[in-house]
Amino acid sequence: MNDPKTDTILLAIHPLHVANILRGEKRFELRRRIPFNIKRLVIYSTAPESRITAVADVEEVLFDTPTTLWDKVREAACVEHDFYTDYFAGSKQAFALRIGRVRELSRKILLSHSRLRFSPPQSFRYISEQKVKWLLDYTKPKQPSRTRKNFIGGIHEMHFLQS
């Protein structure tokens, strides 16, 4: 269900840009149109990965003419000026989502997963809070295995305990 009452959207983003977001280099995601009330992004990395890879907070949605917006985002959009002008060619408005905290998934999720069953969005798709909570479960770091050391006649022995 495409639920416009939520403040989370799924965005399809090229893998190069996803990698830059995960490294913290790309702090603005550029769009020709986007809702203003967005607080969170579910990041879908397009082919060849074709999986949901992360969830990110949106700190702010900037809106302006393409020329004026470029001056605000140029240092943190991770795109060349030629790419930017081509992307916004013919547009009178440009949007930039300021990306905050990014949580990478420990397991990448296919859109065809039984809990999702989405097709890749052309622009964006609203995501229900229930589905977002399920995805956020995959952002929690895995618990390290606990170990116990036994001292036996000068030899240390390690036993791995099951959690």
C-alpha atoms as a PDB file:
ATOM      1  CA  MET A   1       0.000   0.000   0.000  1.00  0.00           C
ATOM      2  CA  ASN A   2       1.271   3.435  -0.896  1.00  0.00           C
ATOM      3  CA  ASP A   3       0.312   5.280   2.317  1.00  0.00           C
ATOM      4  CA  PRO A   4       0.651   9.106   2.082  1.00  0.00           C
ATOM      5  CA  LYS A   5      -0.018   9.456   5.848  1.00  0.00           C
ATOM      6  CA  THR A   6       3.500   8.314   6.702  1.00  0.00           C
ATOM      7  CA  ASP A   7       6.610  10.500   6.802  1.00  0.00           C
ATOM      8  CA  THR A   8       8.864   7.821   5.257  1.00  0.00           C
ATOM      9  CA  ILE A   9       9.509   7.223   1.579  1.00  0.00           C
ATOM     10  CA  LEU A  10      11.364   4.630  -0.463  1.00  0.00           C
ATOM     11  CA  LEU A  11      13.799   6.164  -2.961  1.00  0.00           C
ATOM     12  CA  ALA A  12      15.567   4.327  -5.758  1.00  0.00           C
ATOM     13  CA  ILE A  13      19.157   5.588  -5.846  1.00  0.00           C
ATOM     14  CA  HIS A  14      22.059   4.616  -8.110  1.00  0.00           C
ATOM     15  CA  PRO A  15      24.588   2.335  -6.300  1.00  0.00           C
ATOM     16  CA  LEU A  16      27.406   4.904  -6.693  1.00  0.00           C
ATOM     17  CA  HIS A  17      25.342   7.506  -4.839  1.00  0.00           C
ATOM     18  CA  VAL A  18      24.283   4.935  -2.228  1.00  0.00           C
ATOM     19  CA  ALA A  19      27.956   4.146  -1.562  1.00  0.00           C
ATOM     20  CA  ASN A  20      28.662   7.873  -1.136  1.00  0.00           C
ATOM     21  CA  ILE A  21      25.725   8.189   1.287  1.00  0.00           C
ATOM     22  CA  LEU A  22      26.948   5.212   3.340  1.00  0.00           C
ATOM     23  CA  ARG A  23      30.455   6.730   3.534  1.00  0.00           C
ATOM     24  CA  GLY A  24      28.951  10.031   4.712  1.00  0.00           C
ATOM     25  CA  GLU A  25      30.250  11.963   1.702  1.00  0.00           C
ATOM     26  CA  LYS A  26      26.891  12.572   0.011  1.00  0.00           C
ATOM     27  CA  ARG A  27      24.754  14.560   2.426  1.00  0.00           C
ATOM     28  CA  PHE A  28      22.117  15.782  -0.058  1.00  0.00           C
ATOM     29  CA  GLU A  29      19.882  13.654  -2.266  1.00  0.00           C
ATOM     30  CA  LEU A  30      18.617  15.658  -5.229  1.00  0.00           C
ATOM     31  CA  ARG A  31      15.123  15.354  -6.698  1.00  0.00           C
ATOM     32  CA  ARG A  32      12.901  17.173  -9.183  1.00  0.00           C
ATOM     33  CA  ARG A  33       9.907  16.588  -6.917  1.00  0.00           C
ATOM     34  CA  ILE A  34       9.496  15.275  -3.399  1.00  0.00           C
ATOM     35  CA  PRO A  35       6.988  15.733  -0.539  1.00  0.00           C
ATOM     36  CA  PHE A  36       7.921  18.343   2.074  1.00  0.00           C
ATOM     37  CA  ASN A  37       6.870  16.330   5.145  1.00  0.00           C
ATOM     38  CA  ILE A  38       9.508  13.609   4.794  1.00  0.00           C
ATOM     39  CA  LYS A  39      11.461  12.627   7.909  1.00  0.00           C
ATOM     40  CA  ARG A  40      13.015   9.343   6.787  1.00  0.00           C
ATOM     41  CA  LEU A  41      14.268   7.578   3.643  1.00  0.00           C
ATOM     42  CA  VAL A  42      14.344   3.896   2.886  1.00  0.00           C
ATOM     43  CA  ILE A  43      17.227   3.626   0.413  1.00  0.00           C
ATOM     44  CA  TYR A  44      16.837   1.172  -2.458  1.00  0.00           C
ATOM     45  CA  SER A  45      20.071   0.666  -4.384  1.00  0.00           C
ATOM     46  CA  THR A  46      19.213   0.149  -8.067  1.00  0.00           C
ATOM     47  CA  ALA A  47      20.710  -2.492 -10.395  1.00  0.00           C
ATOM     48  CA  PRO A  48      22.930  -4.361 -10.192  1.00  0.00           C
ATOM     49  CA  GLU A  49      22.345  -4.541  -6.402  1.00  0.00           C
ATOM     50  CA  SER A  50      18.543  -4.101  -6.560  1.00  0.00           C
ATOM     51  CA  ARG A  51      18.025  -4.216  -2.794  1.00  0.00           C
ATOM     52  CA  ILE A  52      17.097  -2.010   0.141  1.00  0.00           C
ATOM     53  CA  THR A  53      20.416  -1.171   1.760  1.00  0.00           C
ATOM     54  CA  ALA A  54      19.797   1.512   4.391  1.00  0.00           C
ATOM     55  CA  VAL A  55      17.408   3.762   6.281  1.00  0.00           C
ATOM     56  CA  ALA A  56      18.306   7.435   6.705  1.00  0.00           C
ATOM     57  CA  ASP A  57      16.864  10.378   8.605  1.00  0.00           C
ATOM     58  CA  VAL A  58      15.998  13.515   6.647  1.00  0.00           C
ATOM     59  CA  GLU A  59      17.079  16.616   8.528  1.00  0.00           C
ATOM     60  CA  GLU A  60      15.564  19.108   6.104  1.00  0.00           C
ATOM     61  CA  VAL A  61      13.993  19.422   2.654  1.00  0.00           C
ATOM     62  CA  LEU A  62      15.500  22.304   0.687  1.00  0.00           C
ATOM     63  CA  PHE A  63      13.584  23.823  -2.228  1.00  0.00           C
ATOM     64  CA  ASP A  64      14.676  26.496  -4.680  1.00  0.00           C
ATOM     65  CA  THR A  65      15.482  27.180  -8.297  1.00  0.00           C
ATOM     66  CA  PRO A  66      18.129  24.801  -9.649  1.00  0.00           C
ATOM     67  CA  THR A  67      20.703  27.609  -9.891  1.00  0.00           C
ATOM     68  CA  THR A  68      20.178  28.834  -6.332  1.00  0.00           C
ATOM     69  CA  LEU A  69      19.974  25.335  -4.868  1.00  0.00           C
ATOM     70  CA  TRP A  70      23.313  24.380  -6.456  1.00  0.00           C
ATOM     71  CA  ASP A  71      25.051  27.071  -4.406  1.00  0.00           C
ATOM     72  CA  LYS A  72      23.622  25.507  -1.220  1.00  0.00           C
ATOM     73  CA  VAL A  73      24.398  21.834  -1.959  1.00  0.00           C
ATOM     74  CA  ARG A  74      27.396  21.809  -4.304  1.00  0.00           C
ATOM     75  CA  GLU A  75      29.911  20.717  -1.647  1.00  0.00           C
ATOM     76  CA  ALA A  76      27.877  17.783  -0.325  1.00  0.00           C
ATOM     77  CA  ALA A  77      25.779  16.477  -3.234  1.00  0.00           C
ATOM     78  CA  CYS A  78      28.619  14.364  -4.711  1.00  0.00           C
ATOM     79  CA  VAL A  79      27.741  15.236  -8.299  1.00  0.00           C
ATOM     80  CA  GLU A  80      29.513  17.287 -10.936  1.00  0.00           C
ATOM     81  CA  HIS A  81      27.930  20.561 -12.046  1.00  0.00           C
ATOM     82  CA  ASP A  82      27.311  19.187 -15.581  1.00  0.00           C
ATOM     83  CA  PHE A  83      25.402  16.208 -14.166  1.00  0.00           C
ATOM     84  CA  TYR A  84      23.405  18.558 -11.923  1.00  0.00           C
ATOM     85  CA  THR A  85      22.448  20.925 -14.749  1.00  0.00           C
ATOM     86  CA  ASP A  86      21.495  18.009 -17.020  1.00  0.00           C
ATOM     87  CA  TYR A  87      19.363  16.480 -14.269  1.00  0.00           C
ATOM     88  CA  PHE A  88      17.464  19.717 -13.608  1.00  0.00           C
ATOM     89  CA  ALA A  89      17.333  20.886 -17.254  1.00  0.00           C
ATOM     90  CA  GLY A  90      13.906  22.349 -17.937  1.00  0.00           C
ATOM     91  CA  SER A  91      12.919  22.340 -14.239  1.00  0.00           C
ATOM     92  CA  LYS A  92      11.931  25.550 -12.520  1.00  0.00           C
ATOM     93  CA  GLN A  93      12.285  23.953  -9.102  1.00  0.00           C
ATOM     94  CA  ALA A  94      14.799  21.687  -7.435  1.00  0.00           C
ATOM     95  CA  PHE A  95      14.704  19.785  -4.156  1.00  0.00           C
ATOM     96  CA  ALA A  96      17.494  18.509  -1.920  1.00  0.00           C
ATOM     97  CA  LEU A  97      16.976  16.202   1.039  1.00  0.00           C
ATOM     98  CA  ARG A  98      19.580  16.869   3.732  1.00  0.00           C
ATOM     99  CA  ILE A  99      20.571  13.407   4.920  1.00  0.00           C
ATOM    100  CA  GLY A 100      21.136  12.915   8.639  1.00  0.00           C
ATOM    101  CA  ARG A 101      21.832   9.672  10.473  1.00  0.00           C
ATOM    102  CA  VAL A 102      22.189   6.681   8.131  1.00  0.00           C
ATOM    103  CA  ARG A 103      21.630   3.125   9.323  1.00  0.00           C
ATOM    104  CA  GLU A 104      22.950   0.461   6.960  1.00  0.00           C
ATOM    105  CA  LEU A 105      21.062  -2.824   6.923  1.00  0.00           C
ATOM    106  CA  SER A 106      22.989  -5.872   8.106  1.00  0.00           C
ATOM    107  CA  ARG A 107      21.108  -7.882   5.472  1.00  0.00           C
ATOM    108  CA  LYS A 108      20.065  -6.327   2.151  1.00  0.00           C
ATOM    109  CA  ILE A 109      16.350  -6.774   1.407  1.00  0.00           C
ATOM    110  CA  LEU A 110      14.730  -7.488  -1.967  1.00  0.00           C
ATOM    111  CA  LEU A 111      11.645  -5.434  -2.799  1.00  0.00           C
ATOM    112  CA  SER A 112       9.922  -8.721  -3.645  1.00  0.00           C
ATOM    113  CA  HIS A 113      10.311  -9.927  -0.033  1.00  0.00           C
ATOM    114  CA  SER A 114       6.993 -11.279   1.296  1.00  0.00           C
ATOM    115  CA  ARG A 115       6.781  -8.429   3.844  1.00  0.00           C
ATOM    116  CA  LEU A 116       7.176  -5.769   1.146  1.00  0.00           C
ATOM    117  CA  ARG A 117       6.164  -6.891  -2.351  1.00  0.00           C
ATOM    118  CA  PHE A 118       7.031  -3.561  -3.992  1.00  0.00           C
ATOM    119  CA  SER A 119       8.224  -2.691  -7.443  1.00  0.00           C
ATOM    120  CA  PRO A 120      11.007  -0.095  -7.762  1.00  0.00           C
ATOM    121  CA  PRO A 121       9.499   3.404  -7.661  1.00  0.00           C
ATOM    122  CA  GLN A 122       9.893   5.824 -10.575  1.00  0.00           C
ATOM    123  CA  SER A 123      10.069   8.795  -8.223  1.00  0.00           C
ATOM    124  CA  PHE A 124       9.273   7.724  -4.643  1.00  0.00           C
ATOM    125  CA  ARG A 125       6.906   5.506  -2.690  1.00  0.00           C
ATOM    126  CA  TYR A 126       5.457   6.016   0.782  1.00  0.00           C
ATOM    127  CA  ILE A 127       6.334   3.285   3.297  1.00  0.00           C
ATOM    128  CA  SER A 128       4.129   2.365   6.273  1.00  0.00           C
ATOM    129  CA  GLU A 129       5.532   2.676   9.790  1.00  0.00           C
ATOM    130  CA  GLN A 130       5.028  -1.066  10.286  1.00  0.00           C
ATOM    131  CA  LYS A 131       7.317  -1.867   7.349  1.00  0.00           C
ATOM    132  CA  VAL A 132       9.867   0.738   8.485  1.00  0.00           C
ATOM    133  CA  LYS A 133      10.014  -0.818  11.965  1.00  0.00           C
ATOM    134  CA  TRP A 134      10.584  -4.221  10.389  1.00  0.00           C
ATOM    135  CA  LEU A 135      13.429  -2.833   8.239  1.00  0.00           C
ATOM    136  CA  LEU A 136      15.001  -1.057  11.225  1.00  0.00           C
ATOM    137  CA  ASP A 137      15.316  -4.440  12.951  1.00  0.00           C
ATOM    138  CA  TYR A 138      17.974  -5.215  10.326  1.00  0.00           C
ATOM    139  CA  THR A 139      20.016  -2.130  11.247  1.00  0.00           C
ATOM    140  CA  LYS A 140      20.807  -3.288  14.751  1.00  0.00           C
ATOM    141  CA  PRO A 141      24.379  -4.501  15.118  1.00  0.00           C
ATOM    142  CA  LYS A 142      24.752  -8.208  15.635  1.00  0.00           C
ATOM    143  CA  GLN A 143      25.624  -9.218  19.178  1.00  0.00           C
ATOM    144  CA  PRO A 144      29.217 -10.451  19.467  1.00  0.00           C
ATOM    145  CA  SER A 145      29.537 -13.980  20.745  1.00  0.00           C
ATOM    146  CA  ARG A 146      30.378 -14.220  24.430  1.00  0.00           C
ATOM    147  CA  THR A 147      33.504 -16.137  25.377  1.00  0.00           C
ATOM    148  CA  ARG A 148      34.655 -17.845  28.549  1.00  0.00           C
ATOM    149  CA  LYS A 149      38.333 -18.521  29.310  1.00  0.00           C
ATOM    150  CA  ASN A 150      39.406 -21.556  31.300  1.00  0.00           C
ATOM    151  CA  PHE A 151      42.893 -21.816  32.748  1.00  0.00           C
ATOM    152  CA  ILE A 152      44.067 -25.425  32.533  1.00  0.00           C
ATOM    153  CA  GLY A 153      47.645 -26.192  33.488  1.00  0.00           C
ATOM    154  CA  GLY A 154      49.208 -23.197  31.785  1.00  0.00           C
ATOM    155  CA  ILE A 155      47.038 -23.399  28.682  1.00  0.00           C
ATOM    156  CA  HIS A 156      44.231 -20.952  27.969  1.00  0.00           C
ATOM    157  CA  GLU A 157      41.195 -22.554  26.459  1.00  0.00           C
ATOM    158  CA  MET A 158      38.356 -20.511  24.903  1.00  0.00           C
ATOM    159  CA  HIS A 159      34.771 -21.691  24.762  1.00  0.00           C
ATOM    160  CA  PHE A 160      32.173 -19.918  22.693  1.00  0.00           C
ATOM    161  CA  LEU A 161      28.822 -19.628  24.401  1.00  0.00           C
ATOM    162  CA  GLN A 162      25.591 -19.639  22.436  1.00  0.00           C
ATOM    163  CA  SER A 163      23.409 -16.571  22.961  1.00  0.00           C
END
